[in-house]
Amino acid sequence: LDALMSEYGTDITDDCAFLHHNGHGVDTENHYLAGRFF
């Protein structure tokens, strides 16, 4: 991910814990990603 930052990075450059659930209810199909915004 570091290697992608120079070309595809955004204003939010820090490591993040990102959660979404694919449009389903809370605790249903959760995806908890460790990574970055691009």
PDB file of all heavy atoms in Angstrom:
ATOM      1  N   LEU A   1       0.835  -1.199   0.000  1.00  0.00           N
ATOM      2  CA  LEU A   1       0.000   0.000   0.000  1.00  0.00           C
ATOM      3  C   LEU A   1       0.869   1.248   0.000  1.00  0.00           C
ATOM      4  O   LEU A   1       0.524   2.250  -0.644  1.00  0.00           O
ATOM      5  CB  LEU A   1      -0.934  -0.017   1.212  1.00  0.00           C
ATOM      6  CG  LEU A   1      -1.883  -1.213   1.315  1.00  0.00           C
ATOM      7  CD1 LEU A   1      -2.838  -1.039   2.491  1.00  0.00           C
ATOM      8  CD2 LEU A   1      -2.662  -1.407   0.024  1.00  0.00           C
ATOM      9  N   ASP A   2       1.999   1.215   0.722  1.00  0.00           N
ATOM     10  CA  ASP A   2       2.933   2.339   0.696  1.00  0.00           C
ATOM     11  C   ASP A   2       3.362   2.639  -0.735  1.00  0.00           C
ATOM     12  O   ASP A   2       3.494   3.802  -1.134  1.00  0.00           O
ATOM     13  CB  ASP A   2       4.178   2.029   1.538  1.00  0.00           C
ATOM     14  CG  ASP A   2       3.887   1.964   3.025  1.00  0.00           C
ATOM     15  OD1 ASP A   2       2.877   2.561   3.450  1.00  0.00           O
ATOM     16  OD2 ASP A   2       4.658   1.325   3.751  1.00  0.00           O
ATOM     17  N   ALA A   3       3.584   1.583  -1.502  1.00  0.00           N
ATOM     18  CA  ALA A   3       4.074   1.744  -2.862  1.00  0.00           C
ATOM     19  C   ALA A   3       3.046   2.412  -3.764  1.00  0.00           C
ATOM     20  O   ALA A   3       3.408   3.003  -4.788  1.00  0.00           O
ATOM     21  CB  ALA A   3       4.465   0.380  -3.438  1.00  0.00           C
ATOM     22  N   LEU A   4       1.774   2.358  -3.398  1.00  0.00           N
ATOM     23  CA  LEU A   4       0.722   2.967  -4.208  1.00  0.00           C
ATOM     24  C   LEU A   4       0.458   4.418  -3.845  1.00  0.00           C
ATOM     25  O   LEU A   4      -0.175   5.155  -4.608  1.00  0.00           O
ATOM     26  CB  LEU A   4      -0.588   2.183  -4.038  1.00  0.00           C
ATOM     27  CG  LEU A   4      -0.632   0.738  -4.554  1.00  0.00           C
ATOM     28  CD1 LEU A   4      -1.922   0.072  -4.096  1.00  0.00           C
ATOM     29  CD2 LEU A   4      -0.520   0.709  -6.072  1.00  0.00           C
ATOM     30  N   MET A   5       0.946   4.863  -2.676  1.00  0.00           N
ATOM     31  CA  MET A   5       0.551   6.154  -2.135  1.00  0.00           C
ATOM     32  C   MET A   5       0.951   7.332  -3.017  1.00  0.00           C
ATOM     33  O   MET A   5       0.193   8.289  -3.183  1.00  0.00           O
ATOM     34  CB  MET A   5       1.135   6.345  -0.734  1.00  0.00           C
ATOM     35  CG  MET A   5       0.519   5.442   0.320  1.00  0.00           C
ATOM     36  SD  MET A   5      -1.247   5.732   0.584  1.00  0.00           S
ATOM     37  CE  MET A   5      -1.191   7.356   1.350  1.00  0.00           C
ATOM     38  N   SER A   6       2.154   7.293  -3.587  1.00  0.00           N
ATOM     39  CA  SER A   6       2.640   8.456  -4.322  1.00  0.00           C
ATOM     40  C   SER A   6       1.784   8.767  -5.539  1.00  0.00           C
ATOM     41  O   SER A   6       1.581   9.928  -5.890  1.00  0.00           O
ATOM     42  CB  SER A   6       4.097   8.252  -4.746  1.00  0.00           C
ATOM     43  OG  SER A   6       4.215   7.125  -5.582  1.00  0.00           O
ATOM     44  N   GLU A   7       1.248   7.736  -6.177  1.00  0.00           N
ATOM     45  CA  GLU A   7       0.465   7.949  -7.399  1.00  0.00           C
ATOM     46  C   GLU A   7      -1.040   7.970  -7.137  1.00  0.00           C
ATOM     47  O   GLU A   7      -1.778   8.694  -7.804  1.00  0.00           O
ATOM     48  CB  GLU A   7       0.794   6.863  -8.414  1.00  0.00           C
ATOM     49  CG  GLU A   7       0.121   7.071  -9.769  1.00  0.00           C
ATOM     50  CD  GLU A   7       0.649   6.126 -10.833  1.00  0.00           C
ATOM     51  OE1 GLU A   7       1.624   5.399 -10.549  1.00  0.00           O
ATOM     52  OE2 GLU A   7       0.084   6.125 -11.942  1.00  0.00           O
ATOM     53  N   TYR A   8      -1.492   7.204  -6.155  1.00  0.00           N
ATOM     54  CA  TYR A   8      -2.929   7.042  -5.973  1.00  0.00           C
ATOM     55  C   TYR A   8      -3.420   7.500  -4.600  1.00  0.00           C
ATOM     56  O   TYR A   8      -4.593   7.302  -4.273  1.00  0.00           O
ATOM     57  CB  TYR A   8      -3.313   5.566  -6.160  1.00  0.00           C
ATOM     58  CG  TYR A   8      -2.961   5.004  -7.507  1.00  0.00           C
ATOM     59  CD1 TYR A   8      -1.853   4.170  -7.667  1.00  0.00           C
ATOM     60  CD2 TYR A   8      -3.717   5.309  -8.636  1.00  0.00           C
ATOM     61  CE1 TYR A   8      -1.515   3.645  -8.908  1.00  0.00           C
ATOM     62  CE2 TYR A   8      -3.392   4.802  -9.879  1.00  0.00           C
ATOM     63  CZ  TYR A   8      -2.285   3.958 -10.007  1.00  0.00           C
ATOM     64  OH  TYR A   8      -1.966   3.458 -11.236  1.00  0.00           O
ATOM     65  N   GLY A   9      -2.559   8.111  -3.804  1.00  0.00           N
ATOM     66  CA  GLY A   9      -2.944   8.513  -2.465  1.00  0.00           C
ATOM     67  C   GLY A   9      -3.965   9.639  -2.442  1.00  0.00           C
ATOM     68  O   GLY A   9      -4.197  10.330  -3.446  1.00  0.00           O
ATOM     69  N   THR A  10      -4.581   9.848  -1.282  1.00  0.00           N
ATOM     70  CA  THR A  10      -5.580  10.896  -1.088  1.00  0.00           C
ATOM     71  C   THR A  10      -5.133  11.799   0.059  1.00  0.00           C
ATOM     72  O   THR A  10      -4.042  11.637   0.603  1.00  0.00           O
ATOM     73  CB  THR A  10      -6.948  10.273  -0.748  1.00  0.00           C
ATOM     74  OG1 THR A  10      -6.872   9.675   0.558  1.00  0.00           O
ATOM     75  CG2 THR A  10      -7.345   9.217  -1.779  1.00  0.00           C
ATOM     76  N   ASP A  11      -6.006  12.733   0.438  1.00  0.00           N
ATOM     77  CA  ASP A  11      -5.684  13.615   1.566  1.00  0.00           C
ATOM     78  C   ASP A  11      -5.652  12.851   2.887  1.00  0.00           C
ATOM     79  O   ASP A  11      -5.039  13.295   3.850  1.00  0.00           O
ATOM     80  CB  ASP A  11      -6.709  14.748   1.656  1.00  0.00           C
ATOM     81  CG  ASP A  11      -6.591  15.732   0.504  1.00  0.00           C
ATOM     82  OD1 ASP A  11      -5.513  15.778  -0.122  1.00  0.00           O
ATOM     83  OD2 ASP A  11      -7.571  16.446   0.214  1.00  0.00           O
ATOM     84  N   ILE A  12      -6.332  11.706   2.962  1.00  0.00           N
ATOM     85  CA  ILE A  12      -6.303  10.863   4.162  1.00  0.00           C
ATOM     86  C   ILE A  12      -5.203   9.834   3.942  1.00  0.00           C
ATOM     87  O   ILE A  12      -5.404   8.810   3.281  1.00  0.00           O
ATOM     88  CB  ILE A  12      -7.649  10.168   4.404  1.00  0.00           C
ATOM     89  CG1 ILE A  12      -8.802  11.178   4.367  1.00  0.00           C
ATOM     90  CG2 ILE A  12      -7.630   9.423   5.732  1.00  0.00           C
ATOM     91  CD1 ILE A  12      -8.726  12.247   5.422  1.00  0.00           C
ATOM     92  N   THR A  13      -4.022  10.093   4.485  1.00  0.00           N
ATOM     93  CA  THR A  13      -2.849   9.267   4.182  1.00  0.00           C
ATOM     94  C   THR A  13      -2.512   8.262   5.283  1.00  0.00           C
ATOM     95  O   THR A  13      -1.618   7.440   5.106  1.00  0.00           O
ATOM     96  CB  THR A  13      -1.617  10.162   3.951  1.00  0.00           C
ATOM     97  OG1 THR A  13      -1.359  10.928   5.141  1.00  0.00           O
ATOM     98  CG2 THR A  13      -1.848  11.107   2.783  1.00  0.00           C
ATOM     99  N   ASP A  14      -3.218   8.332   6.418  1.00  0.00           N
ATOM    100  CA  ASP A  14      -2.854   7.495   7.560  1.00  0.00           C
ATOM    101  C   ASP A  14      -3.460   6.091   7.451  1.00  0.00           C
ATOM    102  O   ASP A  14      -4.411   5.850   6.703  1.00  0.00           O
ATOM    103  CB  ASP A  14      -3.351   8.145   8.860  1.00  0.00           C
ATOM    104  CG  ASP A  14      -2.796   9.540   9.035  1.00  0.00           C
ATOM    105  OD1 ASP A  14      -1.597   9.657   9.297  1.00  0.00           O
ATOM    106  OD2 ASP A  14      -3.566  10.515   8.886  1.00  0.00           O
ATOM    107  N   ASP A  15      -2.899   5.163   8.240  1.00  0.00           N
ATOM    108  CA  ASP A  15      -3.481   3.831   8.357  1.00  0.00           C
ATOM    109  C   ASP A  15      -4.883   3.951   8.955  1.00  0.00           C
ATOM    110  O   ASP A  15      -5.120   4.772   9.847  1.00  0.00           O
ATOM    111  CB  ASP A  15      -2.629   2.952   9.268  1.00  0.00           C
ATOM    112  CG  ASP A  15      -1.231   2.721   8.709  1.00  0.00           C
ATOM    113  OD1 ASP A  15      -1.037   2.951   7.500  1.00  0.00           O
ATOM    114  OD2 ASP A  15      -0.354   2.307   9.491  1.00  0.00           O
ATOM    115  N   CYS A  16      -5.784   3.121   8.484  1.00  0.00           N
ATOM    116  CA  CYS A  16      -7.170   3.208   8.937  1.00  0.00           C
ATOM    117  C   CYS A  16      -7.747   1.828   9.245  1.00  0.00           C
ATOM    118  O   CYS A  16      -7.321   0.821   8.671  1.00  0.00           O
ATOM    119  CB  CYS A  16      -8.051   3.858   7.869  1.00  0.00           C
ATOM    120  SG  CYS A  16      -7.627   5.554   7.432  1.00  0.00           S
ATOM    121  N   ALA A  17      -8.724   1.813  10.143  1.00  0.00           N
ATOM    122  CA  ALA A  17      -9.572   0.648  10.367  1.00  0.00           C
ATOM    123  C   ALA A  17     -10.932   1.012   9.787  1.00  0.00           C
ATOM    124  O   ALA A  17     -11.620   1.899  10.288  1.00  0.00           O
ATOM    125  CB  ALA A  17      -9.686   0.347  11.858  1.00  0.00           C
ATOM    126  N   PHE A  18     -11.307   0.359   8.695  1.00  0.00           N
ATOM    127  CA  PHE A  18     -12.475   0.741   7.899  1.00  0.00           C
ATOM    128  C   PHE A  18     -13.523  -0.361   7.998  1.00  0.00           C
ATOM    129  O   PHE A  18     -13.237  -1.531   7.752  1.00  0.00           O
ATOM    130  CB  PHE A  18     -12.041   0.927   6.443  1.00  0.00           C
ATOM    131  CG  PHE A  18     -13.121   1.386   5.508  1.00  0.00           C
ATOM    132  CD1 PHE A  18     -13.298   2.727   5.250  1.00  0.00           C
ATOM    133  CD2 PHE A  18     -13.933   0.472   4.861  1.00  0.00           C
ATOM    134  CE1 PHE A  18     -14.280   3.162   4.379  1.00  0.00           C
ATOM    135  CE2 PHE A  18     -14.917   0.886   3.984  1.00  0.00           C
ATOM    136  CZ  PHE A  18     -15.090   2.238   3.739  1.00  0.00           C
ATOM    137  N   LEU A  19     -14.766   0.011   8.361  1.00  0.00           N
ATOM    138  CA  LEU A  19     -15.822  -0.980   8.484  1.00  0.00           C
ATOM    139  C   LEU A  19     -16.996  -0.629   7.584  1.00  0.00           C
ATOM    140  O   LEU A  19     -17.453   0.511   7.543  1.00  0.00           O
ATOM    141  CB  LEU A  19     -16.297  -1.093   9.931  1.00  0.00           C
ATOM    142  CG  LEU A  19     -17.313  -2.224  10.189  1.00  0.00           C
ATOM    143  CD1 LEU A  19     -17.056  -2.871  11.553  1.00  0.00           C
ATOM    144  CD2 LEU A  19     -18.756  -1.713  10.146  1.00  0.00           C
ATOM    145  N   HIS A  20     -17.492  -1.627   6.863  1.00  0.00           N
ATOM    146  CA  HIS A  20     -18.744  -1.497   6.115  1.00  0.00           C
ATOM    147  C   HIS A  20     -19.430  -2.856   6.151  1.00  0.00           C
ATOM    148  O   HIS A  20     -18.841  -3.862   6.530  1.00  0.00           O
ATOM    149  CB  HIS A  20     -18.479  -1.041   4.672  1.00  0.00           C
ATOM    150  CG  HIS A  20     -17.873  -2.093   3.806  1.00  0.00           C
ATOM    151  ND1 HIS A  20     -18.622  -2.932   3.012  1.00  0.00           N
ATOM    152  CD2 HIS A  20     -16.582  -2.469   3.620  1.00  0.00           C
ATOM    153  CE1 HIS A  20     -17.828  -3.760   2.360  1.00  0.00           C
ATOM    154  NE2 HIS A  20     -16.579  -3.509   2.711  1.00  0.00           N
ATOM    155  N   HIS A  21     -20.691  -2.889   5.752  1.00  0.00           N
ATOM    156  CA  HIS A  21     -21.383  -4.174   5.813  1.00  0.00           C
ATOM    157  C   HIS A  21     -22.209  -4.428   4.551  1.00  0.00           C
ATOM    158  O   HIS A  21     -23.270  -5.058   4.614  1.00  0.00           O
ATOM    159  CB  HIS A  21     -22.247  -4.283   7.072  1.00  0.00           C
ATOM    160  CG  HIS A  21     -23.126  -3.088   7.326  1.00  0.00           C
ATOM    161  ND1 HIS A  21     -24.148  -2.719   6.484  1.00  0.00           N
ATOM    162  CD2 HIS A  21     -23.105  -2.173   8.323  1.00  0.00           C
ATOM    163  CE1 HIS A  21     -24.747  -1.643   6.967  1.00  0.00           C
ATOM    164  NE2 HIS A  21     -24.135  -1.281   8.069  1.00  0.00           N
ATOM    165  N   ASN A  22     -21.724  -3.941   3.421  1.00  0.00           N
ATOM    166  CA  ASN A  22     -22.315  -4.264   2.117  1.00  0.00           C
ATOM    167  C   ASN A  22     -23.807  -3.959   2.034  1.00  0.00           C
ATOM    168  O   ASN A  22     -24.560  -4.666   1.377  1.00  0.00           O
ATOM    169  CB  ASN A  22     -22.082  -5.740   1.774  1.00  0.00           C
ATOM    170  CG  ASN A  22     -20.824  -5.954   0.959  1.00  0.00           C
ATOM    171  OD1 ASN A  22     -20.231  -4.989   0.472  1.00  0.00           O
ATOM    172  ND2 ASN A  22     -20.395  -7.185   0.802  1.00  0.00           N
ATOM    173  N   GLY A  23     -24.238  -2.913   2.709  1.00  0.00           N
ATOM    174  CA  GLY A  23     -25.636  -2.516   2.624  1.00  0.00           C
ATOM    175  C   GLY A  23     -26.575  -3.329   3.476  1.00  0.00           C
ATOM    176  O   GLY A  23     -27.790  -3.140   3.422  1.00  0.00           O
ATOM    177  N   HIS A  24     -26.033  -4.238   4.287  1.00  0.00           N
ATOM    178  CA  HIS A  24     -26.883  -5.060   5.155  1.00  0.00           C
ATOM    179  C   HIS A  24     -26.938  -4.443   6.550  1.00  0.00           C
ATOM    180  O   HIS A  24     -26.365  -3.395   6.813  1.00  0.00           O
ATOM    181  CB  HIS A  24     -26.346  -6.487   5.218  1.00  0.00           C
ATOM    182  CG  HIS A  24     -26.389  -7.186   3.891  1.00  0.00           C
ATOM    183  ND1 HIS A  24     -27.459  -7.926   3.468  1.00  0.00           N
ATOM    184  CD2 HIS A  24     -25.477  -7.226   2.880  1.00  0.00           C
ATOM    185  CE1 HIS A  24     -27.221  -8.405   2.262  1.00  0.00           C
ATOM    186  NE2 HIS A  24     -26.021  -7.998   1.886  1.00  0.00           N
ATOM    187  N   GLY A  25     -27.627  -5.100   7.459  1.00  0.00           N
ATOM    188  CA  GLY A  25     -27.764  -4.573   8.803  1.00  0.00           C
ATOM    189  C   GLY A  25     -26.484  -4.671   9.601  1.00  0.00           C
ATOM    190  O   GLY A  25     -25.505  -5.303   9.191  1.00  0.00           O
ATOM    191  N   VAL A  26     -26.480  -4.022  10.766  1.00  0.00           N
ATOM    192  CA  VAL A  26     -25.321  -4.046  11.645  1.00  0.00           C
ATOM    193  C   VAL A  26     -24.974  -5.492  12.005  1.00  0.00           C
ATOM    194  O   VAL A  26     -25.854  -6.310  12.267  1.00  0.00           O
ATOM    195  CB  VAL A  26     -25.593  -3.228  12.920  1.00  0.00           C
ATOM    196  CG1 VAL A  26     -24.438  -3.378  13.907  1.00  0.00           C
ATOM    197  CG2 VAL A  26     -25.791  -1.770  12.571  1.00  0.00           C
ATOM    198  N   ASP A  27     -23.677  -5.793  12.000  1.00  0.00           N
ATOM    199  CA  ASP A  27     -23.163  -7.126  12.317  1.00  0.00           C
ATOM    200  C   ASP A  27     -23.619  -8.193  11.314  1.00  0.00           C
ATOM    201  O   ASP A  27     -23.644  -9.381  11.622  1.00  0.00           O
ATOM    202  CB  ASP A  27     -23.555  -7.557  13.739  1.00  0.00           C
ATOM    203  CG  ASP A  27     -22.902  -6.683  14.790  1.00  0.00           C
ATOM    204  OD1 ASP A  27     -21.798  -6.181  14.514  1.00  0.00           O
ATOM    205  OD2 ASP A  27     -23.492  -6.502  15.863  1.00  0.00           O
ATOM    206  N   THR A  28     -23.983  -7.755  10.122  1.00  0.00           N
ATOM    207  CA  THR A  28     -24.339  -8.681   9.051  1.00  0.00           C
ATOM    208  C   THR A  28     -23.430  -8.402   7.860  1.00  0.00           C
ATOM    209  O   THR A  28     -23.407  -7.294   7.341  1.00  0.00           O
ATOM    210  CB  THR A  28     -25.806  -8.513   8.619  1.00  0.00           C
ATOM    211  OG1 THR A  28     -26.640  -8.677   9.766  1.00  0.00           O
ATOM    212  CG2 THR A  28     -26.187  -9.536   7.564  1.00  0.00           C
ATOM    213  N   GLU A  29     -22.666  -9.396   7.446  1.00  0.00           N
ATOM    214  CA  GLU A  29     -21.712  -9.250   6.344  1.00  0.00           C
ATOM    215  C   GLU A  29     -20.729  -8.103   6.606  1.00  0.00           C
ATOM    216  O   GLU A  29     -20.437  -7.300   5.734  1.00  0.00           O
ATOM    217  CB  GLU A  29     -22.426  -9.045   5.006  1.00  0.00           C
ATOM    218  CG  GLU A  29     -23.075 -10.306   4.470  1.00  0.00           C
ATOM    219  CD  GLU A  29     -23.348 -10.226   2.978  1.00  0.00           C
ATOM    220  OE1 GLU A  29     -22.569  -9.584   2.257  1.00  0.00           O
ATOM    221  OE2 GLU A  29     -24.336 -10.827   2.552  1.00  0.00           O
ATOM    222  N   ASN A  30     -20.241  -8.023   7.826  1.00  0.00           N
ATOM    223  CA  ASN A  30     -19.254  -6.995   8.147  1.00  0.00           C
ATOM    224  C   ASN A  30     -17.949  -7.234   7.395  1.00  0.00           C
ATOM    225  O   ASN A  30     -17.519  -8.374   7.237  1.00  0.00           O
ATOM    226  CB  ASN A  30     -18.947  -6.987   9.647  1.00  0.00           C
ATOM    227  CG  ASN A  30     -20.020  -6.273  10.438  1.00  0.00           C
ATOM    228  OD1 ASN A  30     -20.755  -5.463   9.901  1.00  0.00           O
ATOM    229  ND2 ASN A  30     -20.107  -6.600  11.713  1.00  0.00           N
ATOM    230  N   HIS A  31     -17.323  -6.156   6.991  1.00  0.00           N
ATOM    231  CA  HIS A  31     -15.979  -6.208   6.442  1.00  0.00           C
ATOM    232  C   HIS A  31     -15.161  -5.169   7.197  1.00  0.00           C
ATOM    233  O   HIS A  31     -15.461  -3.978   7.171  1.00  0.00           O
ATOM    234  CB  HIS A  31     -15.979  -5.906   4.943  1.00  0.00           C
ATOM    235  CG  HIS A  31     -16.628  -6.979   4.133  1.00  0.00           C
ATOM    236  ND1 HIS A  31     -15.917  -7.987   3.524  1.00  0.00           N
ATOM    237  CD2 HIS A  31     -17.927  -7.209   3.863  1.00  0.00           C
ATOM    238  CE1 HIS A  31     -16.746  -8.791   2.892  1.00  0.00           C
ATOM    239  NE2 HIS A  31     -17.982  -8.340   3.080  1.00  0.00           N
ATOM    240  N   TYR A  32     -14.139  -5.639   7.889  1.00  0.00           N
ATOM    241  CA  TYR A  32     -13.325  -4.765   8.732  1.00  0.00           C
ATOM    242  C   TYR A  32     -11.922  -4.766   8.139  1.00  0.00           C
ATOM    243  O   TYR A  32     -11.123  -5.655   8.394  1.00  0.00           O
ATOM    244  CB  TYR A  32     -13.314  -5.302  10.157  1.00  0.00           C
ATOM    245  CG  TYR A  32     -13.104  -4.262  11.222  1.00  0.00           C
ATOM    246  CD1 TYR A  32     -13.482  -4.519  12.540  1.00  0.00           C
ATOM    247  CD2 TYR A  32     -12.529  -3.025  10.943  1.00  0.00           C
ATOM    248  CE1 TYR A  32     -13.303  -3.582  13.540  1.00  0.00           C
ATOM    249  CE2 TYR A  32     -12.345  -2.092  11.928  1.00  0.00           C
ATOM    250  CZ  TYR A  32     -12.736  -2.370  13.227  1.00  0.00           C
ATOM    251  OH  TYR A  32     -12.544  -1.442  14.205  1.00  0.00           O
ATOM    252  N   LEU A  33     -11.626  -3.744   7.338  1.00  0.00           N
ATOM    253  CA  LEU A  33     -10.382  -3.705   6.583  1.00  0.00           C
ATOM    254  C   LEU A  33      -9.317  -2.865   7.278  1.00  0.00           C
ATOM    255  O   LEU A  33      -9.593  -1.754   7.737  1.00  0.00           O
ATOM    256  CB  LEU A  33     -10.618  -3.134   5.184  1.00  0.00           C
ATOM    257  CG  LEU A  33     -11.675  -3.816   4.316  1.00  0.00           C
ATOM    258  CD1 LEU A  33     -11.792  -3.097   2.978  1.00  0.00           C
ATOM    259  CD2 LEU A  33     -11.328  -5.278   4.103  1.00  0.00           C
ATOM    260  N   ALA A  34      -8.109  -3.388   7.329  1.00  0.00           N
ATOM    261  CA  ALA A  34      -6.949  -2.615   7.769  1.00  0.00           C
ATOM    262  C   ALA A  34      -6.226  -2.160   6.513  1.00  0.00           C
ATOM    263  O   ALA A  34      -5.753  -2.985   5.730  1.00  0.00           O
ATOM    264  CB  ALA A  34      -6.025  -3.461   8.632  1.00  0.00           C
ATOM    265  N   GLY A  35      -6.146  -0.854   6.298  1.00  0.00           N
ATOM    266  CA  GLY A  35      -5.511  -0.379   5.070  1.00  0.00           C
ATOM    267  C   GLY A  35      -5.560   1.119   4.950  1.00  0.00           C
ATOM    268  O   GLY A  35      -5.443   1.836   5.941  1.00  0.00           O
ATOM    269  N   ARG A  36      -5.790   1.606   3.700  1.00  0.00           N
ATOM    270  CA  ARG A  36      -5.766   3.048   3.443  1.00  0.00           C
ATOM    271  C   ARG A  36      -6.767   3.428   2.359  1.00  0.00           C
ATOM    272  O   ARG A  36      -7.199   2.601   1.560  1.00  0.00           O
ATOM    273  CB  ARG A  36      -4.369   3.488   3.004  1.00  0.00           C
ATOM    274  CG  ARG A  36      -3.302   3.306   4.068  1.00  0.00           C
ATOM    275  CD  ARG A  36      -2.178   4.290   3.883  1.00  0.00           C
ATOM    276  NE  ARG A  36      -1.118   4.025   4.844  1.00  0.00           N
ATOM    277  CZ  ARG A  36       0.101   3.631   4.522  1.00  0.00           C
ATOM    278  NH1 ARG A  36       0.417   3.445   3.257  1.00  0.00           N
ATOM    279  NH2 ARG A  36       1.015   3.410   5.455  1.00  0.00           N
ATOM    280  N   PHE A  37      -7.077   4.733   2.345  1.00  0.00           N
ATOM    281  CA  PHE A  37      -7.911   5.286   1.283  1.00  0.00           C
ATOM    282  C   PHE A  37      -7.053   5.592   0.058  1.00  0.00           C
ATOM    283  O   PHE A  37      -5.923   6.087   0.179  1.00  0.00           O
ATOM    284  CB  PHE A  37      -8.573   6.585   1.749  1.00  0.00           C
ATOM    285  CG  PHE A  37      -9.702   6.394   2.709  1.00  0.00           C
ATOM    286  CD1 PHE A  37      -9.483   6.496   4.077  1.00  0.00           C
ATOM    287  CD2 PHE A  37     -10.980   6.115   2.251  1.00  0.00           C
ATOM    288  CE1 PHE A  37     -10.527   6.328   4.970  1.00  0.00           C
ATOM    289  CE2 PHE A  37     -12.030   5.941   3.138  1.00  0.00           C
ATOM    290  CZ  PHE A  37     -11.802   6.045   4.501  1.00  0.00           C
ATOM    291  N   PHE A  38      -7.614   5.307  -1.126  1.00  0.00           N
ATOM    292  CA  PHE A  38      -6.952   5.625  -2.391  1.00  0.00           C
ATOM    293  C   PHE A  38      -7.971   6.220  -3.355  1.00  0.00           C
ATOM    294  O   PHE A  38      -9.185   6.178  -3.115  1.00  0.00           O
ATOM    295  CB  PHE A  38      -6.346   4.356  -3.010  1.00  0.00           C
ATOM    296  CG  PHE A  38      -5.217   3.774  -2.227  1.00  0.00           C
ATOM    297  CD1 PHE A  38      -5.437   2.772  -1.293  1.00  0.00           C
ATOM    298  CD2 PHE A  38      -3.919   4.237  -2.412  1.00  0.00           C
ATOM    299  CE1 PHE A  38      -4.396   2.237  -0.554  1.00  0.00           C
ATOM    300  CE2 PHE A  38      -2.866   3.707  -1.680  1.00  0.00           C
ATOM    301  CZ  PHE A  38      -3.104   2.705  -0.751  1.00  0.00           C
TER     302      PHE A  38
END
